Amino acid sequence: MNHKQRLELIRHFFETKCIPTLEAKGHDYTNGTIKDDPNTNFKIVGDMLHMSPLITWAVYFMKHITAIITFVNGTDLKSESINERILDAINYLFILYTMLEDESTLAKAKGIDISTMGDE
């Protein structure tokens, strides 16, 4: 495979796998509120477990990384294929990117209540 073929393979994977999966799973994991806040699941679960949304994200992400490492070390995966785990790991990195762009997620991770900011 040359560089151009690799880029086309990645582009195809992104368009046909990553985006549709983000849309479908995003809807399911946000109680149908994806239009309001696609990262709400990380905030809700974080609140329930007294963790920041970013720590919650890290726990979810590491589940996929652990499975990928299991595969790389020569053990077959049973619940999801390696391609599904790679897809999920890529999408979790995109999710992290959106969380880092979201001021409320960062504020919550730092313990700042932004709902009272600007009330002076």
C-alpha atoms as a PDB file:
ATOM      1  CA  MET A   1       0.000   0.000   0.000  1.00  0.00           C
ATOM      2  CA  ASN A   2       1.347   3.412  -0.918  1.00  0.00           C
ATOM      3  CA  HIS A   3       0.699   6.739   0.851  1.00  0.00           C
ATOM      4  CA  LYS A   4      -2.196   7.743  -1.422  1.00  0.00           C
ATOM      5  CA  GLN A   5      -3.892   4.364  -0.944  1.00  0.00           C
ATOM      6  CA  ARG A   6      -3.467   4.609   2.820  1.00  0.00           C
ATOM      7  CA  LEU A   7      -5.066   8.063   2.914  1.00  0.00           C
ATOM      8  CA  GLU A   8      -7.969   6.848   0.788  1.00  0.00           C
ATOM      9  CA  LEU A   9      -8.453   3.848   3.064  1.00  0.00           C
ATOM     10  CA  ILE A  10      -8.512   6.116   6.121  1.00  0.00           C
ATOM     11  CA  ARG A  11     -10.912   8.561   4.416  1.00  0.00           C
ATOM     12  CA  HIS A  12     -13.245   5.713   3.459  1.00  0.00           C
ATOM     13  CA  PHE A  13     -13.135   4.251   6.992  1.00  0.00           C
ATOM     14  CA  PHE A  14     -13.886   7.675   8.489  1.00  0.00           C
ATOM     15  CA  GLU A  15     -16.801   8.406   6.171  1.00  0.00           C
ATOM     16  CA  THR A  16     -18.388   4.946   6.142  1.00  0.00           C
ATOM     17  CA  LYS A  17     -17.643   3.769   9.688  1.00  0.00           C
ATOM     18  CA  CYS A  18     -16.646   6.560  12.092  1.00  0.00           C
ATOM     19  CA  ILE A  19     -19.332   9.121  11.297  1.00  0.00           C
ATOM     20  CA  PRO A  20     -22.282   6.669  11.121  1.00  0.00           C
ATOM     21  CA  THR A  21     -21.163   5.040  14.383  1.00  0.00           C
ATOM     22  CA  LEU A  22     -20.784   8.398  16.139  1.00  0.00           C
ATOM     23  CA  GLU A  23     -24.298   9.326  15.015  1.00  0.00           C
ATOM     24  CA  ALA A  24     -25.933   6.038  16.050  1.00  0.00           C
ATOM     25  CA  LYS A  25     -24.141   5.501  19.346  1.00  0.00           C
ATOM     26  CA  GLY A  26     -24.298   9.198  20.163  1.00  0.00           C
ATOM     27  CA  HIS A  27     -28.072   9.064  20.013  1.00  0.00           C
ATOM     28  CA  ASP A  28     -28.264   5.926  22.143  1.00  0.00           C
ATOM     29  CA  TYR A  29     -25.855   7.149  24.825  1.00  0.00           C
ATOM     30  CA  THR A  30     -27.456  10.582  25.231  1.00  0.00           C
ATOM     31  CA  ASN A  31     -31.041   9.511  25.882  1.00  0.00           C
ATOM     32  CA  GLY A  32     -31.947  11.049  22.543  1.00  0.00           C
ATOM     33  CA  THR A  33     -30.585  14.488  23.551  1.00  0.00           C
ATOM     34  CA  ILE A  34     -27.597  14.436  21.206  1.00  0.00           C
ATOM     35  CA  LYS A  35     -28.669  17.746  19.607  1.00  0.00           C
ATOM     36  CA  ASP A  36     -28.424  19.468  22.996  1.00  0.00           C
ATOM     37  CA  ASP A  37     -25.183  17.937  24.275  1.00  0.00           C
ATOM     38  CA  PRO A  38     -23.572  14.975  22.527  1.00  0.00           C
ATOM     39  CA  ASN A  39     -21.225  14.456  25.489  1.00  0.00           C
ATOM     40  CA  THR A  40     -23.913  14.412  28.160  1.00  0.00           C
ATOM     41  CA  ASN A  41     -23.303  10.743  28.973  1.00  0.00           C
ATOM     42  CA  PHE A  42     -19.804  11.501  30.255  1.00  0.00           C
ATOM     43  CA  LYS A  43     -21.157  14.280  32.458  1.00  0.00           C
ATOM     44  CA  ILE A  44     -24.061  12.253  33.849  1.00  0.00           C
ATOM     45  CA  VAL A  45     -21.948   9.178  34.600  1.00  0.00           C
ATOM     46  CA  GLY A  46     -19.175  11.374  35.997  1.00  0.00           C
ATOM     47  CA  ASP A  47     -21.648  13.044  38.359  1.00  0.00           C
ATOM     48  CA  MET A  48     -23.014   9.658  39.445  1.00  0.00           C
ATOM     49  CA  LEU A  49     -19.521   8.349  40.203  1.00  0.00           C
ATOM     50  CA  HIS A  50     -18.042  11.636  41.493  1.00  0.00           C
ATOM     51  CA  MET A  51     -15.571  11.841  38.613  1.00  0.00           C
ATOM     52  CA  SER A  52     -14.949  14.512  36.024  1.00  0.00           C
ATOM     53  CA  PRO A  53     -16.333  13.914  32.526  1.00  0.00           C
ATOM     54  CA  LEU A  54     -12.754  13.577  31.280  1.00  0.00           C
ATOM     55  CA  ILE A  55     -11.954  10.798  33.756  1.00  0.00           C
ATOM     56  CA  THR A  56     -15.190   9.069  32.734  1.00  0.00           C
ATOM     57  CA  TRP A  57     -14.084   9.373  29.103  1.00  0.00           C
ATOM     58  CA  ALA A  58     -10.682   7.875  29.989  1.00  0.00           C
ATOM     59  CA  VAL A  59     -12.294   4.835  31.623  1.00  0.00           C
ATOM     60  CA  TYR A  60     -14.447   4.185  28.545  1.00  0.00           C
ATOM     61  CA  PHE A  61     -11.500   4.738  26.198  1.00  0.00           C
ATOM     62  CA  MET A  62      -9.157   2.437  28.103  1.00  0.00           C
ATOM     63  CA  LYS A  63     -11.624  -0.420  27.770  1.00  0.00           C
ATOM     64  CA  HIS A  64     -11.007  -0.357  24.014  1.00  0.00           C
ATOM     65  CA  ILE A  65      -7.262   0.165  24.330  1.00  0.00           C
ATOM     66  CA  THR A  66      -7.036  -2.825  26.669  1.00  0.00           C
ATOM     67  CA  ALA A  67      -8.871  -4.984  24.122  1.00  0.00           C
ATOM     68  CA  ILE A  68      -6.601  -3.765  21.315  1.00  0.00           C
ATOM     69  CA  ILE A  69      -3.514  -4.604  23.397  1.00  0.00           C
ATOM     70  CA  THR A  70      -4.998  -8.038  24.114  1.00  0.00           C
ATOM     71  CA  PHE A  71      -5.325  -8.587  20.353  1.00  0.00           C
ATOM     72  CA  VAL A  72      -1.817  -7.273  19.616  1.00  0.00           C
ATOM     73  CA  ASN A  73      -0.454  -9.696  22.209  1.00  0.00           C
ATOM     74  CA  GLY A  74      -1.950 -12.593  20.265  1.00  0.00           C
ATOM     75  CA  THR A  75      -5.244 -13.305  22.024  1.00  0.00           C
ATOM     76  CA  ASP A  76      -8.439 -13.508  19.979  1.00  0.00           C
ATOM     77  CA  LEU A  77     -11.209 -11.063  20.838  1.00  0.00           C
ATOM     78  CA  LYS A  78     -14.634 -12.559  21.511  1.00  0.00           C
ATOM     79  CA  SER A  79     -17.164  -9.757  22.043  1.00  0.00           C
ATOM     80  CA  GLU A  80     -16.151  -7.355  19.252  1.00  0.00           C
ATOM     81  CA  SER A  81     -13.759  -7.641  16.324  1.00  0.00           C
ATOM     82  CA  ILE A  82     -10.452  -5.788  16.286  1.00  0.00           C
ATOM     83  CA  ASN A  83     -11.863  -3.485  13.584  1.00  0.00           C
ATOM     84  CA  GLU A  84     -14.773  -2.556  15.869  1.00  0.00           C
ATOM     85  CA  ARG A  85     -12.366  -1.843  18.723  1.00  0.00           C
ATOM     86  CA  ILE A  86     -10.196   0.327  16.461  1.00  0.00           C
ATOM     87  CA  LEU A  87     -13.297   2.163  15.275  1.00  0.00           C
ATOM     88  CA  ASP A  88     -14.424   2.794  18.838  1.00  0.00           C
ATOM     89  CA  ALA A  89     -10.960   3.966  19.919  1.00  0.00           C
ATOM     90  CA  ILE A  90     -10.772   6.416  17.004  1.00  0.00           C
ATOM     91  CA  ASN A  91     -14.227   7.733  17.800  1.00  0.00           C
ATOM     92  CA  TYR A  92     -13.362   8.135  21.475  1.00  0.00           C
ATOM     93  CA  LEU A  93     -10.424  10.321  20.456  1.00  0.00           C
ATOM     94  CA  PHE A  94     -12.804  12.477  18.394  1.00  0.00           C
ATOM     95  CA  ILE A  95     -15.122  12.646  21.397  1.00  0.00           C
ATOM     96  CA  LEU A  96     -12.234  13.761  23.607  1.00  0.00           C
ATOM     97  CA  TYR A  97     -11.437  16.474  21.093  1.00  0.00           C
ATOM     98  CA  THR A  98     -15.026  17.767  21.291  1.00  0.00           C
ATOM     99  CA  MET A  99     -14.981  17.601  25.082  1.00  0.00           C
ATOM    100  CA  LEU A 100     -11.800  19.670  25.198  1.00  0.00           C
ATOM    101  CA  GLU A 101     -13.441  22.248  22.940  1.00  0.00           C
ATOM    102  CA  ASP A 102     -16.460  22.407  25.287  1.00  0.00           C
ATOM    103  CA  GLU A 103     -15.928  25.003  28.027  1.00  0.00           C
ATOM    104  CA  SER A 104     -18.384  23.389  30.430  1.00  0.00           C
ATOM    105  CA  THR A 105     -16.568  20.045  30.298  1.00  0.00           C
ATOM    106  CA  LEU A 106     -13.222  21.667  31.028  1.00  0.00           C
ATOM    107  CA  ALA A 107     -14.661  23.771  33.830  1.00  0.00           C
ATOM    108  CA  LYS A 108     -16.271  20.727  35.423  1.00  0.00           C
ATOM    109  CA  ALA A 109     -12.992  18.803  35.179  1.00  0.00           C
ATOM    110  CA  LYS A 110     -11.281  21.661  37.023  1.00  0.00           C
ATOM    111  CA  GLY A 111     -14.061  21.960  39.606  1.00  0.00           C
ATOM    112  CA  ILE A 112     -15.279  25.359  38.394  1.00  0.00           C
ATOM    113  CA  ASP A 113     -19.007  26.168  38.485  1.00  0.00           C
ATOM    114  CA  ILE A 114     -19.484  28.161  35.270  1.00  0.00           C
ATOM    115  CA  SER A 115     -23.181  28.690  35.958  1.00  0.00           C
ATOM    116  CA  THR A 116     -22.218  31.436  38.453  1.00  0.00           C
ATOM    117  CA  MET A 117     -19.553  33.052  36.298  1.00  0.00           C
ATOM    118  CA  GLY A 118     -20.339  36.580  35.254  1.00  0.00           C
ATOM    119  CA  ASP A 119     -22.875  37.105  38.064  1.00  0.00           C
ATOM    120  CA  GLU A 120     -20.803  39.837  39.700  1.00  0.00           C
END
